[in-house]
C-alpha atoms as a PDB file:
ATOM      1  CA  MET A   1     120.283 116.929  92.286  1.00  0.00           C
ATOM      2  CA  GLU A   2     124.032 117.073  92.138  1.00  0.00           C
ATOM      3  CA  LEU A   3     126.140 114.022  92.939  1.00  0.00           C
ATOM      4  CA  GLY A   4     127.700 115.196  96.226  1.00  0.00           C
ATOM      5  CA  ASN A   5     124.425 116.474  97.628  1.00  0.00           C
ATOM      6  CA  LYS A   6     122.666 113.209  96.772  1.00  0.00           C
ATOM      7  CA  ILE A   7     125.379 111.181  98.535  1.00  0.00           C
ATOM      8  CA  ARG A   8     125.144 113.455 101.584  1.00  0.00           C
ATOM      9  CA  LYS A   9     121.345 113.086 101.671  1.00  0.00           C
ATOM     10  CA  LEU A  10     121.582 109.277 101.515  1.00  0.00           C
ATOM     11  CA  ARG A  11     124.247 109.269 104.241  1.00  0.00           C
ATOM     12  CA  LEU A  12     122.147 111.444 106.549  1.00  0.00           C
ATOM     13  CA  SER A  13     118.997 109.395 105.893  1.00  0.00           C
ATOM     14  CA  LEU A  14     120.870 106.395 107.310  1.00  0.00           C
ATOM     15  CA  GLY A  15     122.174 108.405 110.256  1.00  0.00           C
ATOM     16  CA  LEU A  16     125.779 107.843 109.216  1.00  0.00           C
ATOM     17  CA  THR A  17     128.722 110.159 109.787  1.00  0.00           C
ATOM     18  CA  GLN A  18     131.303 110.869 107.107  1.00  0.00           C
ATOM     19  CA  GLU A  19     133.733 108.784 109.169  1.00  0.00           C
ATOM     20  CA  GLU A  20     131.378 105.789 109.071  1.00  0.00           C
ATOM     21  CA  VAL A  21     130.889 106.065 105.300  1.00  0.00           C
ATOM     22  CA  ALA A  22     134.653 106.431 104.841  1.00  0.00           C
ATOM     23  CA  ALA A  23     135.266 103.285 106.908  1.00  0.00           C
ATOM     24  CA  ARG A  24     132.622 101.321 104.975  1.00  0.00           C
ATOM     25  CA  ALA A  25     134.065 102.474 101.634  1.00  0.00           C
ATOM     26  CA  ASP A  26     137.696 102.178 102.753  1.00  0.00           C
ATOM     27  CA  LEU A  27     138.342 105.816 101.852  1.00  0.00           C
ATOM     28  CA  ALA A  28     139.470 108.897 103.787  1.00  0.00           C
ATOM     29  CA  ARG A  29     136.870 110.987 105.628  1.00  0.00           C
ATOM     30  CA  SER A  30     138.302 114.115 104.027  1.00  0.00           C
ATOM     31  CA  PHE A  31     137.705 112.562 100.598  1.00  0.00           C
ATOM     32  CA  ILE A  32     134.042 111.863 101.460  1.00  0.00           C
ATOM     33  CA  SER A  33     133.717 115.492 102.597  1.00  0.00           C
ATOM     34  CA  GLN A  34     135.237 116.773  99.355  1.00  0.00           C
ATOM     35  CA  VAL A  35     132.887 114.597  97.274  1.00  0.00           C
ATOM     36  CA  GLU A  36     129.840 115.760  99.232  1.00  0.00           C
ATOM     37  CA  THR A  37     130.801 119.432  98.803  1.00  0.00           C
ATOM     38  CA  SER A  38     131.632 118.896  95.098  1.00  0.00           C
ATOM     39  CA  LYS A  39     135.260 119.932  95.637  1.00  0.00           C
ATOM     40  CA  THR A  40     136.425 116.745  93.947  1.00  0.00           C
ATOM     41  CA  SER A  41     134.991 114.123  91.631  1.00  0.00           C
ATOM     42  CA  PRO A  42     135.497 110.477  92.531  1.00  0.00           C
ATOM     43  CA  THR A  43     136.599 107.811  90.098  1.00  0.00           C
ATOM     44  CA  LEU A  44     133.881 105.392  89.046  1.00  0.00           C
ATOM     45  CA  GLU A  45     135.366 102.767  91.375  1.00  0.00           C
ATOM     46  CA  ASN A  46     135.391 105.133  94.376  1.00  0.00           C
ATOM     47  CA  LEU A  47     131.905 106.402  93.535  1.00  0.00           C
ATOM     48  CA  GLU A  48     130.576 102.852  93.515  1.00  0.00           C
ATOM     49  CA  ARG A  49     132.216 102.172  96.898  1.00  0.00           C
ATOM     50  CA  ILE A  50     130.675 105.338  98.379  1.00  0.00           C
ATOM     51  CA  ILE A  51     127.239 104.573  96.947  1.00  0.00           C
ATOM     52  CA  LYS A  52     127.347 101.034  98.381  1.00  0.00           C
ATOM     53  CA  ALA A  53     128.444 102.479 101.738  1.00  0.00           C
ATOM     54  CA  VAL A  54     125.267 104.609 101.827  1.00  0.00           C
ATOM     55  CA  GLY A  55     122.994 101.670 100.996  1.00  0.00           C
ATOM     56  CA  SER A  56     122.481 102.038  97.266  1.00  0.00           C
ATOM     57  CA  ASP A  57     123.888 100.794  93.959  1.00  0.00           C
ATOM     58  CA  LEU A  58     124.862 102.604  90.763  1.00  0.00           C
ATOM     59  CA  LYS A  59     121.681 101.685  88.880  1.00  0.00           C
ATOM     60  CA  SER A  60     119.363 102.889  91.645  1.00  0.00           C
ATOM     61  CA  PHE A  61     121.479 105.940  92.392  1.00  0.00           C
ATOM     62  CA  PHE A  62     121.331 107.199  88.810  1.00  0.00           C
ATOM     63  CA  SER A  63     117.868 105.955  87.849  1.00  0.00           C
ATOM     64  CA  ASP A  64     115.260 108.482  86.865  1.00  0.00           C
ATOM     65  CA  TYR A  65     112.408 107.158  88.937  1.00  0.00           C
ATOM     66  CA  LYS A  66     109.108 108.979  89.186  1.00  0.00           C
ATOM     67  CA  SER A  67     108.727 111.424  92.014  1.00  0.00           C
ATOM     68  CA  GLN A  68     107.505 109.995  95.275  1.00  0.00           C
ATOM     69  CA  LYS A  69     103.785 110.182  95.860  1.00  0.00           C
ATOM     70  CA  VAL A  70     102.979 112.348  98.867  1.00  0.00           C
ATOM     71  CA  LEU A  71      99.197 112.730  98.973  1.00  0.00           C
ATOM     72  CA  TYR A  72      96.770 109.821  99.160  1.00  0.00           C
ATOM     73  CA  LYS A  73      93.131 110.858  98.700  1.00  0.00           C
ATOM     74  CA  LYS A  74      90.339 108.982 100.461  1.00  0.00           C
ATOM     75  CA  GLU A  75      88.844 108.027  97.081  1.00  0.00           C
ATOM     76  CA  GLU A  76      92.037 106.074  96.324  1.00  0.00           C
ATOM     77  CA  ARG A  77      91.756 103.762  99.340  1.00  0.00           C
ATOM     78  CA  VAL A  78      91.833 100.069  98.560  1.00  0.00           C
ATOM     79  CA  PRO A  79      89.411  97.747 100.409  1.00  0.00           C
ATOM     80  CA  VAL A  80      90.744  94.575 102.007  1.00  0.00           C
ATOM     81  CA  TYR A  81      88.409  91.795 100.923  1.00  0.00           C
ATOM     82  CA  ASP A  82      89.418  88.810 103.043  1.00  0.00           C
ATOM     83  CA  GLU A  83      88.451  90.183 106.461  1.00  0.00           C
ATOM     84  CA  PRO A  84      86.294  88.211 108.928  1.00  0.00           C
ATOM     85  CA  ARG A  85      82.597  89.004 109.275  1.00  0.00           C
ATOM     86  CA  GLY A  86      82.044  92.379 110.932  1.00  0.00           C
ATOM     87  CA  VAL A  87      85.549  93.678 110.113  1.00  0.00           C
ATOM     88  CA  THR A  88      86.128  96.242 107.354  1.00  0.00           C
ATOM     89  CA  SER A  89      89.607  97.457 106.428  1.00  0.00           C
ATOM     90  CA  HIS A  90      90.960  99.826 103.813  1.00  0.00           C
ATOM     91  CA  MET A  91      94.570 100.363 102.806  1.00  0.00           C
ATOM     92  CA  LEU A  92      95.126 104.085 103.260  1.00  0.00           C
ATOM     93  CA  MET A  93      97.911 104.295 100.677  1.00  0.00           C
ATOM     94  CA  ASN A  94      97.936 102.659  97.275  1.00  0.00           C
ATOM     95  CA  GLU A  95     101.117 102.200  95.227  1.00  0.00           C
ATOM     96  CA  VAL A  96     103.185 101.345  98.309  1.00  0.00           C
ATOM     97  CA  GLU A  97     105.428  98.602  96.932  1.00  0.00           C
ATOM     98  CA  ASP A  98     108.552 100.632  97.722  1.00  0.00           C
ATOM     99  CA  LYS A  99     107.462 101.731 101.198  1.00  0.00           C
ATOM    100  CA  LYS A 100     108.326 100.036 104.472  1.00  0.00           C
ATOM    101  CA  ILE A 101     104.883 100.562 106.006  1.00  0.00           C
ATOM    102  CA  ASP A 102     101.305  99.632 105.288  1.00  0.00           C
ATOM    103  CA  ALA A 103      98.602 101.780 106.866  1.00  0.00           C
ATOM    104  CA  PHE A 104      95.014 100.613 107.333  1.00  0.00           C
ATOM    105  CA  MET A 105      91.780 102.052 108.658  1.00  0.00           C
ATOM    106  CA  THR A 106      89.987  99.133 110.285  1.00  0.00           C
ATOM    107  CA  ILE A 107      86.431  99.153 111.606  1.00  0.00           C
ATOM    108  CA  LEU A 108      85.256  96.336 113.838  1.00  0.00           C
ATOM    109  CA  GLY A 109      81.504  96.081 114.180  1.00  0.00           C
ATOM    110  CA  PRO A 110      79.946  95.276 117.573  1.00  0.00           C
ATOM    111  CA  GLY A 111      81.458  92.028 118.872  1.00  0.00           C
ATOM    112  CA  ALA A 112      83.672  91.581 115.772  1.00  0.00           C
ATOM    113  CA  GLU A 113      87.268  90.427 115.868  1.00  0.00           C
ATOM    114  CA  THR A 114      90.191  89.982 113.502  1.00  0.00           C
ATOM    115  CA  GLU A 115      91.554  86.518 112.886  1.00  0.00           C
ATOM    116  CA  ALA A 116      94.451  85.542 115.127  1.00  0.00           C
ATOM    117  CA  GLU A 117      97.535  86.287 113.041  1.00  0.00           C
ATOM    118  CA  ASP A 118     100.599  84.153 113.513  1.00  0.00           C
ATOM    119  CA  PHE A 119     103.974  85.760 114.161  1.00  0.00           C
ATOM    120  CA  HIS A 120     105.824  87.404 111.265  1.00  0.00           C
ATOM    121  CA  GLU A 121     108.613  89.892 110.719  1.00  0.00           C
ATOM    122  CA  GLY A 122     108.061  93.579 111.341  1.00  0.00           C
ATOM    123  CA  ASP A 123     106.368  95.796 113.892  1.00  0.00           C
ATOM    124  CA  GLU A 124     102.779  96.956 114.285  1.00  0.00           C
ATOM    125  CA  PHE A 125     101.317 100.175 115.647  1.00  0.00           C
ATOM    126  CA  GLY A 126      97.688 101.042 116.270  1.00  0.00           C
ATOM    127  CA  PHE A 127      95.738 104.084 117.413  1.00  0.00           C
ATOM    128  CA  VAL A 128      92.145 103.740 118.618  1.00  0.00           C
ATOM    129  CA  LEU A 129      89.977 106.393 116.947  1.00  0.00           C
ATOM    130  CA  GLU A 130      86.589 105.172 118.143  1.00  0.00           C
ATOM    131  CA  GLY A 131      85.228 102.601 120.592  1.00  0.00           C
ATOM    132  CA  GLU A 132      86.978 100.119 122.854  1.00  0.00           C
ATOM    133  CA  LEU A 133      89.165  97.189 121.860  1.00  0.00           C
ATOM    134  CA  THR A 134      91.075  94.289 123.294  1.00  0.00           C
ATOM    135  CA  LEU A 135      94.488  93.583 121.812  1.00  0.00           C
ATOM    136  CA  ILE A 136      95.635  90.018 122.428  1.00  0.00           C
ATOM    137  CA  LEU A 137      99.355  89.192 122.190  1.00  0.00           C
ATOM    138  CA  ASP A 138     100.262  85.557 122.826  1.00  0.00           C
ATOM    139  CA  ASP A 139      97.031  85.083 124.840  1.00  0.00           C
ATOM    140  CA  LYS A 140      97.666  88.191 126.997  1.00  0.00           C
ATOM    141  CA  PRO A 141      94.837  90.771 126.692  1.00  0.00           C
ATOM    142  CA  TYR A 142      95.376  94.548 126.655  1.00  0.00           C
ATOM    143  CA  GLU A 143      92.342  96.833 126.994  1.00  0.00           C
ATOM    144  CA  LEU A 144      92.279  99.952 124.794  1.00  0.00           C
ATOM    145  CA  GLU A 145      89.906 102.889 124.485  1.00  0.00           C
ATOM    146  CA  VAL A 146      89.710 106.030 122.349  1.00  0.00           C
ATOM    147  CA  GLY A 147      93.060 107.812 122.241  1.00  0.00           C
ATOM    148  CA  ASP A 148      95.087 104.792 123.358  1.00  0.00           C
ATOM    149  CA  CYS A 149      97.697 103.313 121.071  1.00  0.00           C
ATOM    150  CA  PHE A 150      99.795 100.170 120.944  1.00  0.00           C
ATOM    151  CA  TYR A 151     103.095  99.073 119.469  1.00  0.00           C
ATOM    152  CA  TYR A 152     104.604  95.599 119.342  1.00  0.00           C
ATOM    153  CA  GLN A 153     107.023  93.442 117.409  1.00  0.00           C
ATOM    154  CA  ALA A 154     104.947  91.057 115.348  1.00  0.00           C
ATOM    155  CA  ASP A 155     106.838  88.010 116.637  1.00  0.00           C
ATOM    156  CA  LYS A 156     103.766  86.939 118.638  1.00  0.00           C
ATOM    157  CA  VAL A 157     100.310  85.649 117.783  1.00  0.00           C
ATOM    158  CA  HIS A 158      98.128  88.771 117.697  1.00  0.00           C
ATOM    159  CA  GLN A 159      94.453  89.608 117.387  1.00  0.00           C
ATOM    160  CA  ILE A 160      92.099  92.524 118.020  1.00  0.00           C
ATOM    161  CA  LYS A 161      88.563  92.192 119.381  1.00  0.00           C
ATOM    162  CA  ASN A 162      85.757  94.686 119.792  1.00  0.00           C
ATOM    163  CA  HIS A 163      84.366  93.471 123.097  1.00  0.00           C
ATOM    164  CA  ARG A 164      81.463  95.930 122.974  1.00  0.00           C
ATOM    165  CA  LYS A 165      78.201  94.482 121.675  1.00  0.00           C
ATOM    166  CA  ASP A 166      76.570  97.894 121.116  1.00  0.00           C
ATOM    167  CA  LYS A 167      79.271 100.017 119.384  1.00  0.00           C
ATOM    168  CA  GLN A 168      81.694  99.740 116.538  1.00  0.00           C
ATOM    169  CA  ALA A 169      85.409 100.431 117.019  1.00  0.00           C
ATOM    170  CA  LYS A 170      87.731 102.162 114.577  1.00  0.00           C
ATOM    171  CA  ILE A 171      91.509 101.895 114.518  1.00  0.00           C
ATOM    172  CA  LEU A 172      94.390 103.299 112.514  1.00  0.00           C
ATOM    173  CA  TRP A 173      96.690 100.290 112.096  1.00  0.00           C
ATOM    174  CA  ILE A 174     100.234 100.598 110.747  1.00  0.00           C
ATOM    175  CA  MET A 175     102.443  97.643 109.854  1.00  0.00           C
ATOM    176  CA  ILE A 176     106.148  98.370 109.545  1.00  0.00           C
ATOM    177  CA  ASP A 177     108.587  96.090 107.693  1.00  0.00           C
END
């Protein structure tokens, strides 16, 4: 990928305008435009300022990292071993150290529940695929059934319970940093 196009892609991925990048880098907007369209080449100093303005650094910007993994096969799922009795979870994506999300498929057997998790940074999203669940946020219960979803900032004590004694429940659970 050429230099200007890569800078433009990083800028757009952050939702920044050329004016915003120019202000962050203390350069003219027209200069940013010329760099992005490969009409001019920046000095090393200006390039470093632009790269920092779009959230990167020279080493990362020019590194030859392996291509991003796109497909995660079901055979590659990683089991979570420290779940409470009656709860089974699998990480849906392996090799996710550089990602800002963790996705899990969690099955709660009849009457099973996750441990109450203390507050932490990030957000959590869930989609009920099977059964009925109770989501508890700071002691407030929310009833969920198939097709319902939830989203919350994880700054509260949270827990999920399968209140049914005769059916399992299955949930797609996504944690976002």
